[in-house]
Amino acid sequence: MLELGPGFGATTRVLVNLTPSLTALEIDEKSARLLDGSLGERVRILHGDATRIPAEDCSFDTVVAFTMLHHVPSPAKQDQLFAETFRVLRPGGVFAGSDSLTSLGFRLIHLGDTSVTVDPGRLPDRLAAAGFERTRIATTAASFRFQGTRPLVDSTVAPAG
């Protein structure tokens, strides 16, 4: 499993007990160092950008992103993250996560911080553009959850024969 944008590691500390192999990719160097110092024996911590994931194609069965998409600085960069996630997932792999919806309180706690919220109504089309299938979105008053699957067979390649 690959976790994108773990920040200070709240979800990482839960995930490490739920999966036999966990890698976390954090863009903030200080946060990555702190995570490595506290979880480095149990989790592979990488410092890097989720729009350029430092991993081979088809490296992970699952990629997760919890409450981090809004920190990606533009919709174009978010779409790049979706494409990179698709690239590093194995066929049949799942991309899942959650994020917050826009509200006054959400905007206030992000003053001076990057905050580009994702419209969950448009997310299925954006994930499909990256290649994902079987996308599911569930919303609450303050957040949404999402899931998309990399197809077992690449539909852009013509069958042999």
Protein backbone atom coordinates (compact mmCIF):
# COMPACT_ATOMS: atom_id res chain seq x y z
CA MET A 1 0.00 0.00 0.00
CA LEU A 2 1.09 3.54 -0.79
CA GLU A 3 -0.22 6.43 1.29
CA LEU A 4 -0.01 9.85 -0.37
CA GLY A 5 0.49 12.94 1.79
CA PRO A 6 0.47 11.48 5.29
CA GLY A 7 1.40 14.81 6.90
CA PHE A 8 2.12 14.14 10.57
CA GLY A 9 1.04 10.50 10.17
CA ALA A 10 -2.33 10.16 11.89
CA THR A 11 -3.65 7.71 9.29
CA THR A 12 -0.21 6.16 8.77
CA ARG A 13 -0.21 5.01 12.41
CA VAL A 14 -3.51 3.21 11.76
CA LEU A 15 -2.64 1.83 8.31
CA VAL A 16 0.65 0.28 9.45
CA ASN A 17 -1.36 -2.17 11.57
CA LEU A 18 -3.74 -3.04 8.72
CA THR A 19 -1.41 -3.88 5.86
CA PRO A 20 1.68 -6.10 5.57
CA SER A 21 3.64 -3.46 3.61
CA LEU A 22 3.18 0.32 3.76
CA THR A 23 5.01 3.11 1.96
CA ALA A 24 4.18 6.76 2.69
CA LEU A 25 5.05 9.61 0.31
CA GLU A 26 5.25 13.05 1.94
CA ILE A 27 6.13 16.28 0.11
CA ASP A 28 7.14 18.22 3.23
CA GLU A 29 10.73 17.29 4.07
CA LYS A 30 10.42 18.00 7.81
CA SER A 31 7.26 15.90 8.10
CA ALA A 32 8.90 13.07 6.15
CA ARG A 33 11.91 13.14 8.50
CA LEU A 34 9.68 13.10 11.59
CA LEU A 35 7.66 10.17 10.21
CA ASP A 36 10.83 8.30 9.33
CA GLY A 37 12.13 8.85 12.85
CA SER A 38 8.95 7.58 14.49
CA LEU A 39 7.76 4.91 12.03
CA GLY A 40 10.76 4.21 9.79
CA GLU A 41 11.21 0.66 11.09
CA ARG A 42 7.64 -0.25 10.14
CA VAL A 43 6.88 2.05 7.19
CA ARG A 44 8.97 3.00 4.17
CA ILE A 45 8.90 6.81 4.20
CA LEU A 46 9.66 8.66 0.96
CA HIS A 47 10.13 12.40 0.57
CA GLY A 48 8.62 13.47 -2.74
CA ASP A 49 5.76 14.87 -4.77
CA ALA A 50 2.65 12.79 -5.50
CA THR A 51 2.47 14.33 -8.97
CA ARG A 52 5.79 12.56 -9.68
CA ILE A 53 5.65 9.40 -7.58
CA PRO A 54 9.15 7.90 -7.19
CA ALA A 55 8.06 4.32 -7.88
CA GLU A 56 8.04 1.87 -10.76
CA ASP A 57 4.93 1.27 -12.85
CA CYS A 58 2.49 -1.22 -11.28
CA SER A 59 4.27 -1.16 -7.89
CA PHE A 60 1.28 -1.11 -5.51
CA ASP A 61 -1.98 -2.98 -4.99
CA THR A 62 -3.56 0.01 -3.23
CA VAL A 63 -2.97 3.76 -3.09
CA VAL A 64 -4.74 5.91 -0.51
CA ALA A 65 -5.04 9.66 0.00
CA PHE A 66 -6.74 10.92 3.15
CA THR A 67 -7.56 14.61 3.50
CA MET A 68 -4.71 15.72 1.28
CA LEU A 69 -6.10 16.34 -2.21
CA HIS A 70 -7.07 19.92 -1.32
CA HIS A 71 -3.38 20.63 -0.57
CA VAL A 72 -2.47 19.93 -4.21
CA PRO A 73 -2.15 23.46 -5.67
CA SER A 74 -4.36 23.22 -8.78
CA PRO A 75 -6.90 20.99 -10.52
CA ALA A 76 -4.28 20.27 -13.21
CA LYS A 77 -1.82 19.08 -10.54
CA GLN A 78 -4.58 17.01 -8.93
CA ASP A 79 -5.23 15.38 -12.31
CA GLN A 80 -1.49 14.72 -12.60
CA LEU A 81 -1.63 13.04 -9.18
CA PHE A 82 -4.52 10.85 -10.41
CA ALA A 83 -2.53 9.86 -13.51
CA GLU A 84 0.57 9.05 -11.43
CA THR A 85 -1.53 7.01 -9.02
CA PHE A 86 -2.94 5.05 -11.95
CA ARG A 87 0.60 4.45 -13.25
CA VAL A 88 1.92 2.99 -9.98
CA LEU A 89 -1.13 0.78 -9.36
CA ARG A 90 -1.12 -2.83 -10.49
CA PRO A 91 -3.99 -3.92 -12.76
CA GLY A 92 -7.01 -4.45 -10.52
CA GLY A 93 -5.50 -2.10 -7.90
CA VAL A 94 -7.63 0.37 -5.98
CA PHE A 95 -7.20 4.10 -5.37
CA ALA A 96 -9.25 5.27 -2.40
CA GLY A 97 -9.44 8.10 0.05
CA SER A 98 -11.35 11.02 1.41
CA ASP A 99 -11.25 14.78 1.55
CA SER A 100 -13.15 17.73 2.93
CA LEU A 101 -15.87 19.76 1.27
CA THR A 102 -15.72 23.56 1.23
CA SER A 103 -17.28 25.31 4.20
CA LEU A 104 -16.63 28.52 6.09
CA GLY A 105 -14.83 26.66 8.88
CA PHE A 106 -12.72 24.73 6.36
CA ARG A 107 -11.74 27.96 4.60
CA LEU A 108 -10.85 29.62 7.91
CA ILE A 109 -8.51 26.85 9.06
CA HIS A 110 -6.76 27.01 5.68
CA LEU A 111 -6.09 30.76 5.61
CA GLY A 112 -2.58 31.19 4.27
CA ASP A 113 -2.43 27.52 3.26
CA THR A 114 -2.96 25.79 -0.08
CA SER A 115 -6.61 24.82 -0.33
CA VAL A 116 -8.01 23.74 -3.70
CA THR A 117 -11.06 21.67 -2.85
CA VAL A 118 -12.19 18.87 -5.14
CA ASP A 119 -15.77 18.85 -6.42
CA PRO A 120 -16.95 15.28 -5.72
CA GLY A 121 -19.53 15.63 -8.50
CA ARG A 122 -16.76 16.04 -11.09
CA LEU A 123 -14.38 13.53 -9.54
CA PRO A 124 -15.69 10.42 -11.37
CA ASP A 125 -14.99 12.06 -14.75
CA ARG A 126 -11.55 13.21 -13.61
CA LEU A 127 -10.64 9.73 -12.36
CA ALA A 128 -12.00 8.17 -15.57
CA ALA A 129 -9.78 10.54 -17.60
CA ALA A 130 -6.80 9.08 -15.70
CA GLY A 131 -8.00 5.55 -16.60
CA PHE A 132 -9.91 4.47 -13.50
CA GLU A 133 -13.09 2.40 -13.64
CA ARG A 134 -15.82 1.50 -11.15
CA THR A 135 -15.52 4.85 -9.41
CA ARG A 136 -17.61 5.34 -6.29
CA ILE A 137 -18.19 8.58 -4.40
CA ALA A 138 -20.02 9.01 -1.08
CA THR A 139 -20.59 12.42 0.48
CA THR A 140 -21.53 13.65 3.94
CA ALA A 141 -22.19 17.21 5.05
CA ALA A 142 -18.49 17.97 5.48
CA SER A 143 -16.53 15.41 3.44
CA PHE A 144 -16.50 12.81 0.70
CA ARG A 145 -14.99 9.38 0.17
CA PHE A 146 -13.90 8.04 -3.19
CA GLN A 147 -12.69 4.85 -4.80
CA GLY A 148 -11.56 3.93 -8.30
CA THR A 149 -10.03 0.77 -9.76
CA ARG A 150 -7.35 0.30 -12.38
CA PRO A 151 -8.78 -2.11 -14.98
CA LEU A 152 -7.35 -5.61 -15.17
CA VAL A 153 -6.83 -5.11 -18.90
CA ASP A 154 -5.71 -1.85 -20.50
CA SER A 155 -8.59 -0.89 -22.80
CA THR A 156 -6.33 1.37 -24.89
CA VAL A 157 -4.33 -1.58 -26.24
CA ALA A 158 -5.83 -3.60 -29.07
CA PRO A 159 -6.13 -7.34 -28.34
CA ALA A 160 -3.57 -9.60 -30.01
CA GLY A 161 -4.60 -11.93 -32.77
